[in-house]
């Protein structure tokens, strides 16, 4: 049409639609299990166990609380398996999961609770057999019964 000036885009409206769409997209995922991290010891050790449990005051080479050293991927796996903190294939009966969830008198880590998604990932690793997939050579796991 002659005599009409072109209309500038409505930036406020476009921004509102973008924000609304983003909020809807985020809220659509709430409550769903969208775990994309691998339930593998190599990941769990490096991303969850070492930064949260193998600190200078807890399960590191320096302190080894309760004789457990978790700052080394191989040693950590051996100790969790050989000292029966994990029951391969059975996360519910694994002492590690009970400690992480704070079932009983102790919770690990003692100063804060790990996020549920981290505990769920560790549970999935145990349920899948608690296998070692780190650098070779693989550590050895004993099959001895736990001592009381």
Foldseek 3Di string as FASTA:
>chain_A
DPPDDDDDDDPVVVVVVVVVVVVVVVVVCPPPPPDPDALALVCLLVPPCQVFAQDCPHQDPNHNVVVHHRNDSQSNLQCLQQQQQADALDLPPRVVLCQLVVPDPHHPPRPDHDDPSSSVSPSVCRNNGVDHDDDPPHHDHDPDDHDD
